[in-house]
Amino acid sequence: MNITEHFTFEELTKTNTGLSNVPGPKEFEALSYLAVNLLEPLRQLYGKPITVNSAFRSREVNRAVGGSETSQHCKGEAADLTCDDNKKLFELIRDNFIFDQLINEKNYSWIHVSLKKNGNRKQVLRYINGRYELV
């Protein structure tokens, strides 16, 4: 089921844990909001495929992958992304979109981005040497 032209429900809820990973109505709404208002416009701007490594995570999946107890993935508000130029993708998000958090994970190994319907902080961070730092 496509949520947008380039992003499907299946790719935004995939997991390799073998655990159930089905969002409730509130989480599905947030996930759709993320896809429609950030992921799809980002894909259009970038002009090339973007891989979603992880988006929605049930609490069980989040625990299994070692995610934070307060992870926005569990709310359907976050996605971890990769492409052929993660640094460029990071800069496109930072310079062109509203977001809650944007994180350069391990020297651009992947990009974490989150979006809420209200109260986005536009917080830019990097994860280096085992901790998060404001950029």
Foldseek 3Di string as FASTA:
>chain_A
DPLDPQDRPCQAQDDPPPDDGDDDPQLVVLLSCCCVAPVVVLCVVVVDDKHWPYAAGDCVRCVVVVHDPPDCSPSRFKTKIDDPDQVVSLVCCLPPHQFQEWECEPPSPIIMTGHDPDDRPSWYWYQDPHDIDTD
